Amino acid sequence: MNRYIADLSELPAAEDAQRAFKATDSPCVAVCSTLFDDICRGCGRTAMEVANWVFMTEEEKREVWVRIKAQGYPRRNN
């Protein structure tokens, strides 16, 4: 079980997620930090997701976007 998703019913529907972003858009906010965890504190992606973003399919990117948005990412410093 994914340690970040407690209940899949909490995730937005795919149609709702698609309205909020384009799957090809990177969630990077240029606040990169995986120093204390495997998850970037800026965008919420794992180091492997960041490294492989350009190789991921649209569906894989959409799944990452749905997960990180449900977790409150990306976090921007305004």
Protein backbone atom coordinates (compact mmCIF):
# COMPACT_ATOMS: atom_id res chain seq x y z
CA MET A 1 0.00 0.00 0.00
CA ASN A 2 1.26 3.46 -0.85
CA ARG A 3 2.17 5.23 2.39
CA TYR A 4 0.92 8.58 1.07
CA ILE A 5 -2.58 7.61 -0.02
CA ALA A 6 -4.75 6.40 2.82
CA ASP A 7 -8.02 6.21 0.92
CA LEU A 8 -8.34 6.27 -2.87
CA SER A 9 -11.81 7.79 -2.55
CA GLU A 10 -10.10 11.01 -1.41
CA LEU A 11 -8.47 11.51 -4.80
CA PRO A 12 -10.15 13.83 -7.30
CA ALA A 13 -11.81 12.21 -10.29
CA ALA A 14 -9.61 11.95 -13.38
CA GLU A 15 -11.87 14.41 -15.22
CA ASP A 16 -11.50 16.99 -12.42
CA ALA A 17 -7.74 16.52 -12.32
CA GLN A 18 -7.49 16.99 -16.08
CA ARG A 19 -9.19 20.39 -15.82
CA ALA A 20 -6.60 21.54 -13.28
CA PHE A 21 -3.47 20.66 -15.23
CA LYS A 22 -2.03 19.23 -18.38
CA ALA A 23 -0.33 15.90 -17.75
CA THR A 24 2.66 17.05 -19.77
CA ASP A 25 3.21 20.01 -17.46
CA SER A 26 5.90 19.40 -14.90
CA PRO A 27 4.87 20.06 -11.30
CA CYS A 28 8.34 21.45 -10.57
CA VAL A 29 8.30 24.73 -8.65
CA ALA A 30 12.11 25.14 -8.48
CA VAL A 31 12.13 24.43 -4.74
CA CYS A 32 13.91 21.10 -4.99
CA SER A 33 14.72 19.25 -1.80
CA THR A 34 14.91 15.54 -1.10
CA LEU A 35 17.49 15.95 1.64
CA PHE A 36 15.43 14.44 4.49
CA ASP A 37 12.99 12.26 2.55
CA ASP A 38 12.50 10.50 -0.78
CA ILE A 39 9.83 13.08 -1.63
CA CYS A 40 10.65 16.54 -3.00
CA ARG A 41 9.39 19.21 -0.60
CA GLY A 42 8.53 21.48 -3.52
CA CYS A 43 6.62 19.32 -5.98
CA GLY A 44 5.83 16.15 -4.02
CA ARG A 45 7.35 13.76 -6.53
CA THR A 46 9.80 11.01 -5.69
CA ALA A 47 13.37 11.34 -6.90
CA MET A 48 12.65 8.61 -9.48
CA GLU A 49 9.55 10.45 -10.74
CA VAL A 50 11.56 13.66 -11.13
CA ALA A 51 14.37 11.87 -12.96
CA ASN A 52 12.04 9.93 -15.27
CA TRP A 53 9.35 12.59 -15.90
CA VAL A 54 10.25 13.07 -19.57
CA PHE A 55 10.04 9.31 -20.16
CA MET A 56 6.69 8.77 -18.43
CA THR A 57 3.46 8.22 -20.35
CA GLU A 58 0.62 10.73 -20.16
CA GLU A 59 -1.29 8.32 -17.91
CA GLU A 60 1.67 7.90 -15.55
CA LYS A 61 2.06 11.68 -15.33
CA ARG A 62 -1.66 12.09 -14.67
CA GLU A 63 -1.46 9.56 -11.83
CA VAL A 64 1.45 11.46 -10.27
CA TRP A 65 -0.44 14.76 -10.62
CA VAL A 66 -3.56 13.32 -8.98
CA ARG A 67 -1.52 11.98 -6.05
CA ILE A 68 0.53 15.12 -5.43
CA LYS A 69 -2.48 17.45 -5.73
CA ALA A 70 -4.34 15.30 -3.18
CA GLN A 71 -1.33 15.65 -0.87
CA GLY A 72 -1.23 19.44 -1.15
CA TYR A 73 1.56 19.76 -3.67
CA PRO A 74 3.10 21.51 -5.52
CA ARG A 75 4.09 23.96 -2.80
CA ARG A 76 5.13 27.36 -4.00
CA ASN A 77 6.95 30.03 -2.04
CA ASN A 78 5.03 33.21 -2.81
